[in-house]
Amino acid sequence: MQRYFINADQFSDHRVTITGDDAHHIQKVMRMKPSDLILCANNKGAVYLCAIESFAEGSVQALIKSRQCVDSELPIHVTIAQGIPKGDKFETIIQKGTECGARCFVPFQADRCVALWKKNKADKKRLRLEKISKEAAEQSHRRFIPEIREPMNLDQLIAFSASFPFKVVAFEETAKAGQQACFPTVLKEMTAGDSLLAVVGPEGGLTAEEADTLKNHGFALCGLGPRILRTETAALYLLSAISYHFELLQCGVDE
C-alpha cells in the first residue's frame, strides 16, 4: 500500500488534503481511483489508513478511516554524523540509512573530506537529500522522515554532541588493533528511548587529531568488526548492528 508523508496542517475533520508531488503521484503515476486505500503519515508519529474521496486539479481529498498502530522505528534515536563523501555517495547513505532506521543525518566537514559544500550550493544539496530521505521513509514505512542538518565542522559537531548521552566514532585504527568490544558494550548500556550520535569519517578516514579530540569530548572510539569498511558502508553496518541488538534479538529464538 502506498504511503505518503503529509504536513500536519493538511489533516482536518477526519480528512486529509494531499497536494504537490504526492497528489501528482497518486493521480498521474499510480492512477488511483476513489475508494482506493493509502497510508498518510503526519511526520509526528501518527499514521492513518485513508480512502480516496475525490480529485481536483493539483489536489486529492481522502477520508481518514483508522489510525495505524504498527511501530517501525528503531527503539533508540540514532544520528549519523557522516564525513562528506565524494560524488553521489551521500545520497546512497541517506537513502539506505533511512531504510535502516536513522533519525537524523549531519554532513560532517572532516579534515580529509575531498568534497566541499559551498554555501551557495549547500541549501540545494540539502533539499535534494531531504527529498531522498522522504521517499525512502515512505518506501520503508517509517513514521518519521529523518532530519538533514546543516553541515558542521569539528567544533560545531562537538557542541552539537553535548545533548547526547551516548557518542561513538567508527574508527578504523581501533578495528585494525582488533578491539571489537567497544560498540557492543555501548549498545548494552543503552535502553529504549536513548539517543546515540555516531561519527563516520570520509573516504580517507578521520585524522588521529580528530579522533583524539572527539575522544576527549566523550566519544568512544569503536571498531566495526575486523574488516575495514568504506565510508558509504560504515553507517549502514552500524545501523544494522543496532537493529539486530534492539529488534531481532528481542524476538526470541526457539531452542
C-alpha atoms as a PDB file:
ATOM      1  CA  MET A   1       0.000   0.000   0.000  1.00  0.00           C
ATOM      2  CA  GLN A   2       1.315   3.434  -0.935  1.00  0.00           C
ATOM      3  CA  ARG A   3       2.442   5.646   1.940  1.00  0.00           C
ATOM      4  CA  TYR A   4       2.717   9.441   1.886  1.00  0.00           C
ATOM      5  CA  PHE A   5       4.039  11.992   4.362  1.00  0.00           C
ATOM      6  CA  ILE A   6       1.570  14.876   4.569  1.00  0.00           C
ATOM      7  CA  ASN A   7       2.012  18.108   6.519  1.00  0.00           C
ATOM      8  CA  ALA A   8       0.118  18.022   9.807  1.00  0.00           C
ATOM      9  CA  ASP A   9      -1.863  21.163   8.903  1.00  0.00           C
ATOM     10  CA  GLN A  10      -3.397  19.306   5.938  1.00  0.00           C
ATOM     11  CA  PHE A  11      -5.297  16.979   8.316  1.00  0.00           C
ATOM     12  CA  SER A  12      -8.730  18.225   9.450  1.00  0.00           C
ATOM     13  CA  ASP A  13     -12.231  16.945  10.217  1.00  0.00           C
ATOM     14  CA  HIS A  14     -11.350  13.295   9.622  1.00  0.00           C
ATOM     15  CA  ARG A  15      -9.982  14.168   6.210  1.00  0.00           C
ATOM     16  CA  VAL A  16      -6.624  14.876   4.635  1.00  0.00           C
ATOM     17  CA  THR A  17      -5.855  17.083   1.647  1.00  0.00           C
ATOM     18  CA  ILE A  18      -2.903  15.931  -0.438  1.00  0.00           C
ATOM     19  CA  THR A  19      -1.160  18.392  -2.750  1.00  0.00           C
ATOM     20  CA  GLY A  20       2.046  18.873  -4.723  1.00  0.00           C
ATOM     21  CA  ASP A  21       4.172  15.973  -5.895  1.00  0.00           C
ATOM     22  CA  ASP A  22       2.214  13.479  -3.786  1.00  0.00           C
ATOM     23  CA  ALA A  23      -1.086  14.427  -5.427  1.00  0.00           C
ATOM     24  CA  HIS A  24       0.567  14.138  -8.836  1.00  0.00           C
ATOM     25  CA  HIS A  25       1.931  10.699  -7.913  1.00  0.00           C
ATOM     26  CA  ILE A  26      -1.495   9.483  -6.794  1.00  0.00           C
ATOM     27  CA  GLN A  27      -3.318  10.822  -9.846  1.00  0.00           C
ATOM     28  CA  LYS A  28      -0.868  10.526 -12.715  1.00  0.00           C
ATOM     29  CA  VAL A  29       1.612   7.822 -11.706  1.00  0.00           C
ATOM     30  CA  MET A  30      -0.422   5.375  -9.622  1.00  0.00           C
ATOM     31  CA  ARG A  31      -3.684   6.307 -11.405  1.00  0.00           C
ATOM     32  CA  MET A  32      -5.696   5.678  -8.266  1.00  0.00           C
ATOM     33  CA  LYS A  33      -9.464   5.900  -8.110  1.00  0.00           C
ATOM     34  CA  PRO A  34     -12.000   6.919  -5.441  1.00  0.00           C
ATOM     35  CA  SER A  35     -12.175   4.348  -2.611  1.00  0.00           C
ATOM     36  CA  ASP A  36      -8.560   3.242  -3.162  1.00  0.00           C
ATOM     37  CA  LEU A  37      -6.673   2.995   0.126  1.00  0.00           C
ATOM     38  CA  ILE A  38      -3.457   4.788   1.042  1.00  0.00           C
ATOM     39  CA  LEU A  39      -1.480   5.444   4.226  1.00  0.00           C
ATOM     40  CA  CYS A  40      -0.900   9.042   5.303  1.00  0.00           C
ATOM     41  CA  ALA A  41       1.720   9.929   7.936  1.00  0.00           C
ATOM     42  CA  ASN A  42       1.987  13.360   9.578  1.00  0.00           C
ATOM     43  CA  ASN A  43       5.719  13.102  10.447  1.00  0.00           C
ATOM     44  CA  LYS A  44       4.796  13.456  14.118  1.00  0.00           C
ATOM     45  CA  GLY A  45       4.406   9.740  14.722  1.00  0.00           C
ATOM     46  CA  ALA A  46       0.813   9.206  13.587  1.00  0.00           C
ATOM     47  CA  VAL A  47      -0.093   7.112  10.532  1.00  0.00           C
ATOM     48  CA  TYR A  48      -3.634   6.848   9.160  1.00  0.00           C
ATOM     49  CA  LEU A  49      -5.384   4.496   6.763  1.00  0.00           C
ATOM     50  CA  CYS A  50      -7.256   6.710   4.302  1.00  0.00           C
ATOM     51  CA  ALA A  51      -9.676   6.172   1.432  1.00  0.00           C
ATOM     52  CA  ILE A  52      -9.500   8.481  -1.559  1.00  0.00           C
ATOM     53  CA  GLU A  53     -12.705  10.511  -1.924  1.00  0.00           C
ATOM     54  CA  SER A  54     -12.195  12.927  -4.778  1.00  0.00           C
ATOM     55  CA  PHE A  55      -9.725  14.553  -7.145  1.00  0.00           C
ATOM     56  CA  ALA A  56      -9.207  18.169  -8.106  1.00  0.00           C
ATOM     57  CA  GLU A  57      -6.576  19.945 -10.154  1.00  0.00           C
ATOM     58  CA  GLY A  58      -3.393  19.541  -8.128  1.00  0.00           C
ATOM     59  CA  SER A  59      -5.002  18.005  -5.036  1.00  0.00           C
ATOM     60  CA  VAL A  60      -6.536  14.821  -3.666  1.00  0.00           C
ATOM     61  CA  GLN A  61      -9.100  14.568  -0.864  1.00  0.00           C
ATOM     62  CA  ALA A  62      -9.067  11.437   1.319  1.00  0.00           C
ATOM     63  CA  LEU A  63     -11.174  10.231   4.247  1.00  0.00           C
ATOM     64  CA  ILE A  64      -9.397   9.017   7.383  1.00  0.00           C
ATOM     65  CA  LYS A  65     -10.688   5.550   8.239  1.00  0.00           C
ATOM     66  CA  SER A  66      -8.435   4.466  11.117  1.00  0.00           C
ATOM     67  CA  ARG A  67      -5.151   5.104  12.892  1.00  0.00           C
ATOM     68  CA  GLN A  68      -2.408   2.526  12.408  1.00  0.00           C
ATOM     69  CA  CYS A  69      -0.597   1.164  15.462  1.00  0.00           C
ATOM     70  CA  VAL A  70       2.415  -0.575  13.899  1.00  0.00           C
ATOM     71  CA  ASP A  71       5.702   0.985  15.062  1.00  0.00           C
ATOM     72  CA  SER A  72       8.507   0.699  12.523  1.00  0.00           C
ATOM     73  CA  GLU A  73      11.016   2.992  14.267  1.00  0.00           C
ATOM     74  CA  LEU A  74      14.237   1.862  15.928  1.00  0.00           C
ATOM     75  CA  PRO A  75      13.870   1.768  19.734  1.00  0.00           C
ATOM     76  CA  ILE A  76      16.770   4.238  20.054  1.00  0.00           C
ATOM     77  CA  HIS A  77      17.269   7.518  18.203  1.00  0.00           C
ATOM     78  CA  VAL A  78      20.362   7.356  16.011  1.00  0.00           C
ATOM     79  CA  THR A  79      22.016  10.413  14.488  1.00  0.00           C
ATOM     80  CA  ILE A  80      24.704   9.787  11.874  1.00  0.00           C
ATOM     81  CA  ALA A  81      27.400  12.462  11.513  1.00  0.00           C
ATOM     82  CA  GLN A  82      28.768  11.471   8.132  1.00  0.00           C
ATOM     83  CA  GLY A  83      32.066  12.745   6.772  1.00  0.00           C
ATOM     84  CA  ILE A  84      31.037  14.293   3.455  1.00  0.00           C
ATOM     85  CA  PRO A  85      31.955  11.787   0.715  1.00  0.00           C
ATOM     86  CA  LYS A  86      32.641  12.297  -2.970  1.00  0.00           C
ATOM     87  CA  GLY A  87      30.086  12.068  -5.761  1.00  0.00           C
ATOM     88  CA  ASP A  88      26.604  10.789  -5.013  1.00  0.00           C
ATOM     89  CA  LYS A  89      27.629   8.537  -2.124  1.00  0.00           C
ATOM     90  CA  PHE A  90      25.844  10.750   0.397  1.00  0.00           C
ATOM     91  CA  GLU A  91      22.578  10.178  -1.462  1.00  0.00           C
ATOM     92  CA  THR A  92      23.048   6.420  -1.082  1.00  0.00           C
ATOM     93  CA  ILE A  93      23.882   6.802   2.611  1.00  0.00           C
ATOM     94  CA  ILE A  94      20.756   8.904   3.190  1.00  0.00           C
ATOM     95  CA  GLN A  95      18.507   6.514   1.266  1.00  0.00           C
ATOM     96  CA  LYS A  96      19.761   3.288   2.811  1.00  0.00           C
ATOM     97  CA  GLY A  97      20.335   4.839   6.237  1.00  0.00           C
ATOM     98  CA  THR A  98      16.717   5.986   6.274  1.00  0.00           C
ATOM     99  CA  GLU A  99      15.579   2.465   5.399  1.00  0.00           C
ATOM    100  CA  CYS A 100      17.741   1.143   8.263  1.00  0.00           C
ATOM    101  CA  GLY A 101      16.162   3.488  10.816  1.00  0.00           C
ATOM    102  CA  ALA A 102      18.379   6.577  11.295  1.00  0.00           C
ATOM    103  CA  ARG A 103      16.550   9.601  12.729  1.00  0.00           C
ATOM    104  CA  CYS A 104      18.972  12.350  11.698  1.00  0.00           C
ATOM    105  CA  PHE A 105      21.958  12.935   9.413  1.00  0.00           C
ATOM    106  CA  VAL A 106      24.678  15.548   9.894  1.00  0.00           C
ATOM    107  CA  PRO A 107      27.026  16.334   6.981  1.00  0.00           C
ATOM    108  CA  PHE A 108      30.425  16.497   8.719  1.00  0.00           C
ATOM    109  CA  GLN A 109      33.192  18.550   7.103  1.00  0.00           C
ATOM    110  CA  ALA A 110      36.170  16.490   8.305  1.00  0.00           C
ATOM    111  CA  ASP A 111      39.803  17.328   7.555  1.00  0.00           C
ATOM    112  CA  ARG A 112      40.137  14.652   4.877  1.00  0.00           C
ATOM    113  CA  CYS A 113      36.915  15.456   3.050  1.00  0.00           C
ATOM    114  CA  VAL A 114      37.619  15.954  -0.636  1.00  0.00           C
ATOM    115  CA  ALA A 115      34.087  17.138  -1.353  1.00  0.00           C
ATOM    116  CA  LEU A 116      33.248  20.624  -0.121  1.00  0.00           C
ATOM    117  CA  TRP A 117      29.747  22.013   0.325  1.00  0.00           C
ATOM    118  CA  LYS A 118      29.984  25.638  -0.718  1.00  0.00           C
ATOM    119  CA  LYS A 119      27.462  27.932   0.945  1.00  0.00           C
ATOM    120  CA  ASN A 120      25.813  28.885  -2.331  1.00  0.00           C
ATOM    121  CA  LYS A 121      25.090  25.213  -3.097  1.00  0.00           C
ATOM    122  CA  ALA A 122      24.529  23.770   0.392  1.00  0.00           C
ATOM    123  CA  ASP A 123      20.799  24.588   0.508  1.00  0.00           C
ATOM    124  CA  LYS A 124      20.210  22.942  -2.867  1.00  0.00           C
ATOM    125  CA  LYS A 125      22.088  19.836  -1.746  1.00  0.00           C
ATOM    126  CA  ARG A 126      20.054  19.649   1.463  1.00  0.00           C
ATOM    127  CA  LEU A 127      16.779  19.908  -0.458  1.00  0.00           C
ATOM    128  CA  ARG A 128      17.907  17.049  -2.689  1.00  0.00           C
ATOM    129  CA  LEU A 129      18.844  14.909   0.327  1.00  0.00           C
ATOM    130  CA  GLU A 130      15.572  15.752   2.100  1.00  0.00           C
ATOM    131  CA  LYS A 131      13.625  14.565  -0.952  1.00  0.00           C
ATOM    132  CA  ILE A 132      15.592  11.299  -0.981  1.00  0.00           C
ATOM    133  CA  SER A 133      15.014  10.858   2.749  1.00  0.00           C
ATOM    134  CA  LYS A 134      11.252  11.435   2.393  1.00  0.00           C
ATOM    135  CA  GLU A 135      10.923   8.941  -0.446  1.00  0.00           C
ATOM    136  CA  ALA A 136      12.972   6.338   1.430  1.00  0.00           C
ATOM    137  CA  ALA A 137      10.895   6.872   4.583  1.00  0.00           C
ATOM    138  CA  GLU A 138       7.706   6.303   2.586  1.00  0.00           C
ATOM    139  CA  GLN A 139       9.089   3.189   0.894  1.00  0.00           C
ATOM    140  CA  SER A 140      10.266   1.664   4.186  1.00  0.00           C
ATOM    141  CA  HIS A 141       7.067   2.631   6.061  1.00  0.00           C
ATOM    142  CA  ARG A 142       8.759   4.875   8.596  1.00  0.00           C
ATOM    143  CA  ARG A 143       6.728   7.076  10.949  1.00  0.00           C
ATOM    144  CA  PHE A 144       9.234   9.919  10.744  1.00  0.00           C
ATOM    145  CA  ILE A 145      11.311  11.466   7.981  1.00  0.00           C
ATOM    146  CA  PRO A 146      14.918  11.744   9.172  1.00  0.00           C
ATOM    147  CA  GLU A 147      16.168  15.284   9.614  1.00  0.00           C
ATOM    148  CA  ILE A 148      19.026  16.545   7.437  1.00  0.00           C
ATOM    149  CA  ARG A 149      21.061  19.080   9.423  1.00  0.00           C
ATOM    150  CA  GLU A 150      23.265  21.842   8.073  1.00  0.00           C
ATOM    151  CA  PRO A 151      26.928  20.892   7.511  1.00  0.00           C
ATOM    152  CA  MET A 152      29.136  21.089  10.603  1.00  0.00           C
ATOM    153  CA  ASN A 153      32.856  21.326  11.211  1.00  0.00           C
ATOM    154  CA  LEU A 154      34.524  19.559  14.138  1.00  0.00           C
ATOM    155  CA  ASP A 155      33.913  22.331  16.675  1.00  0.00           C
ATOM    156  CA  GLN A 156      30.258  22.609  15.681  1.00  0.00           C
ATOM    157  CA  LEU A 157      29.836  18.845  15.869  1.00  0.00           C
ATOM    158  CA  ILE A 158      31.305  18.747  19.377  1.00  0.00           C
ATOM    159  CA  ALA A 159      28.922  21.499  20.505  1.00  0.00           C
ATOM    160  CA  PHE A 160      26.016  19.632  18.879  1.00  0.00           C
ATOM    161  CA  SER A 161      27.009  16.423  20.694  1.00  0.00           C
ATOM    162  CA  ALA A 162      26.555  17.926  24.169  1.00  0.00           C
ATOM    163  CA  SER A 163      22.946  16.713  24.475  1.00  0.00           C
ATOM    164  CA  PHE A 164      23.704  13.092  23.528  1.00  0.00           C
ATOM    165  CA  PRO A 165      24.192  10.592  26.374  1.00  0.00           C
ATOM    166  CA  PHE A 166      25.900   8.111  24.036  1.00  0.00           C
ATOM    167  CA  LYS A 167      28.509   9.046  21.426  1.00  0.00           C
ATOM    168  CA  VAL A 168      30.675   6.792  19.269  1.00  0.00           C
ATOM    169  CA  VAL A 169      33.184   7.168  16.446  1.00  0.00           C
ATOM    170  CA  ALA A 170      33.658   4.480  13.804  1.00  0.00           C
ATOM    171  CA  PHE A 171      37.474   4.480  13.856  1.00  0.00           C
ATOM    172  CA  GLU A 172      39.402   2.121  11.619  1.00  0.00           C
ATOM    173  CA  GLU A 173      42.557   2.173  13.759  1.00  0.00           C
ATOM    174  CA  THR A 174      40.542   0.613  16.584  1.00  0.00           C
ATOM    175  CA  ALA A 175      39.366  -2.092  14.181  1.00  0.00           C
ATOM    176  CA  LYS A 176      42.929  -2.698  12.970  1.00  0.00           C
ATOM    177  CA  ALA A 177      44.048  -3.156  16.568  1.00  0.00           C
ATOM    178  CA  GLY A 178      41.499  -5.954  16.964  1.00  0.00           C
ATOM    179  CA  GLN A 179      39.475  -4.132  19.615  1.00  0.00           C
ATOM    180  CA  GLN A 180      35.897  -5.214  18.949  1.00  0.00           C
ATOM    181  CA  ALA A 181      34.201  -4.893  22.348  1.00  0.00           C
ATOM    182  CA  CYS A 182      33.582  -1.129  22.398  1.00  0.00           C
ATOM    183  CA  PHE A 183      30.452  -0.862  20.272  1.00  0.00           C
ATOM    184  CA  PRO A 184      28.680  -3.923  21.750  1.00  0.00           C
ATOM    185  CA  THR A 185      29.423  -2.513  25.213  1.00  0.00           C
ATOM    186  CA  VAL A 186      27.822   0.816  24.310  1.00  0.00           C
ATOM    187  CA  LEU A 187      24.724  -0.940  22.964  1.00  0.00           C
ATOM    188  CA  LYS A 188      24.366  -2.982  26.157  1.00  0.00           C
ATOM    189  CA  GLU A 189      24.352   0.221  28.197  1.00  0.00           C
ATOM    190  CA  MET A 190      21.534   1.743  26.144  1.00  0.00           C
ATOM    191  CA  THR A 191      17.801   1.326  26.666  1.00  0.00           C
ATOM    192  CA  ALA A 192      14.772   2.171  24.538  1.00  0.00           C
ATOM    193  CA  GLY A 193      14.380   5.906  24.054  1.00  0.00           C
ATOM    194  CA  ASP A 194      18.084   6.716  24.389  1.00  0.00           C
ATOM    195  CA  SER A 195      19.895   8.802  21.777  1.00  0.00           C
ATOM    196  CA  LEU A 196      23.141   7.884  20.042  1.00  0.00           C
ATOM    197  CA  LEU A 197      25.405  10.102  17.943  1.00  0.00           C
ATOM    198  CA  ALA A 198      27.673   8.113  15.624  1.00  0.00           C
ATOM    199  CA  VAL A 199      30.507   9.739  13.663  1.00  0.00           C
ATOM    200  CA  VAL A 200      31.747   8.216  10.407  1.00  0.00           C
ATOM    201  CA  GLY A 201      34.778   9.634   8.608  1.00  0.00           C
ATOM    202  CA  PRO A 202      35.067  10.383   4.870  1.00  0.00           C
ATOM    203  CA  GLU A 203      36.947   8.238   2.327  1.00  0.00           C
ATOM    204  CA  GLY A 204      40.334   8.950   3.906  1.00  0.00           C
ATOM    205  CA  GLY A 205      39.078   8.330   7.422  1.00  0.00           C
ATOM    206  CA  LEU A 206      39.443  10.605  10.418  1.00  0.00           C
ATOM    207  CA  THR A 207      42.824  12.011  11.354  1.00  0.00           C
ATOM    208  CA  ALA A 208      44.423  10.957  14.635  1.00  0.00           C
ATOM    209  CA  GLU A 209      43.943  14.523  15.870  1.00  0.00           C
ATOM    210  CA  GLU A 210      40.212  14.453  15.094  1.00  0.00           C
ATOM    211  CA  ALA A 211      39.832  11.091  16.824  1.00  0.00           C
ATOM    212  CA  ASP A 212      41.697  12.327  19.910  1.00  0.00           C
ATOM    213  CA  THR A 213      39.604  15.492  20.062  1.00  0.00           C
ATOM    214  CA  LEU A 214      36.366  13.528  19.842  1.00  0.00           C
ATOM    215  CA  LYS A 215      37.589  11.061  22.460  1.00  0.00           C
ATOM    216  CA  ASN A 216      38.432  13.948  24.802  1.00  0.00           C
ATOM    217  CA  HIS A 217      34.829  15.149  24.440  1.00  0.00           C
ATOM    218  CA  GLY A 218      33.219  11.881  25.470  1.00  0.00           C
ATOM    219  CA  PHE A 219      33.127   9.901  22.234  1.00  0.00           C
ATOM    220  CA  ALA A 220      34.030   6.208  22.338  1.00  0.00           C
ATOM    221  CA  LEU A 221      36.356   5.127  19.518  1.00  0.00           C
ATOM    222  CA  CYS A 222      34.866   1.891  18.207  1.00  0.00           C
ATOM    223  CA  GLY A 223      35.818  -0.645  15.584  1.00  0.00           C
ATOM    224  CA  LEU A 224      33.009  -2.081  13.469  1.00  0.00           C
ATOM    225  CA  GLY A 225      34.206  -5.650  13.134  1.00  0.00           C
ATOM    226  CA  PRO A 226      37.521  -6.996  11.832  1.00  0.00           C
ATOM    227  CA  ARG A 227      37.156  -5.610   8.301  1.00  0.00           C
ATOM    228  CA  ILE A 228      37.815  -2.075   7.076  1.00  0.00           C
ATOM    229  CA  LEU A 229      34.603  -0.605   5.669  1.00  0.00           C
ATOM    230  CA  ARG A 230      34.086   2.035   3.009  1.00  0.00           C
ATOM    231  CA  THR A 231      32.586   5.289   4.238  1.00  0.00           C
ATOM    232  CA  GLU A 232      29.293   4.525   2.451  1.00  0.00           C
ATOM    233  CA  THR A 233      29.123   1.133   4.204  1.00  0.00           C
ATOM    234  CA  ALA A 234      30.045   2.038   7.785  1.00  0.00           C
ATOM    235  CA  ALA A 235      26.835   3.841   8.758  1.00  0.00           C
ATOM    236  CA  LEU A 236      24.686   1.044   7.305  1.00  0.00           C
ATOM    237  CA  TYR A 237      26.724  -1.598   9.149  1.00  0.00           C
ATOM    238  CA  LEU A 238      26.300   0.363  12.373  1.00  0.00           C
ATOM    239  CA  LEU A 239      22.535   0.767  11.921  1.00  0.00           C
ATOM    240  CA  SER A 240      22.158  -2.923  11.065  1.00  0.00           C
ATOM    241  CA  ALA A 241      24.021  -3.898  14.238  1.00  0.00           C
ATOM    242  CA  ILE A 242      21.732  -1.640  16.269  1.00  0.00           C
ATOM    243  CA  SER A 243      18.641  -3.173  14.659  1.00  0.00           C
ATOM    244  CA  TYR A 244      19.901  -6.675  15.385  1.00  0.00           C
ATOM    245  CA  HIS A 245      20.640  -5.831  19.020  1.00  0.00           C
ATOM    246  CA  PHE A 246      17.417  -3.951  19.806  1.00  0.00           C
ATOM    247  CA  GLU A 247      14.931  -5.612  17.454  1.00  0.00           C
ATOM    248  CA  LEU A 248      15.844  -9.062  16.145  1.00  0.00           C
ATOM    249  CA  LEU A 249      17.407 -10.333  19.374  1.00  0.00           C
ATOM    250  CA  GLN A 250      14.268  -9.323  21.258  1.00  0.00           C
ATOM    251  CA  CYS A 251      12.120 -11.640  19.133  1.00  0.00           C
ATOM    252  CA  GLY A 252      13.495 -14.725  20.854  1.00  0.00           C
ATOM    253  CA  VAL A 253      14.684 -17.930  19.253  1.00  0.00           C
ATOM    254  CA  ASP A 254      13.058 -21.296  19.835  1.00  0.00           C
ATOM    255  CA  GLU A 255      15.502 -23.876  21.123  1.00  0.00           C
END
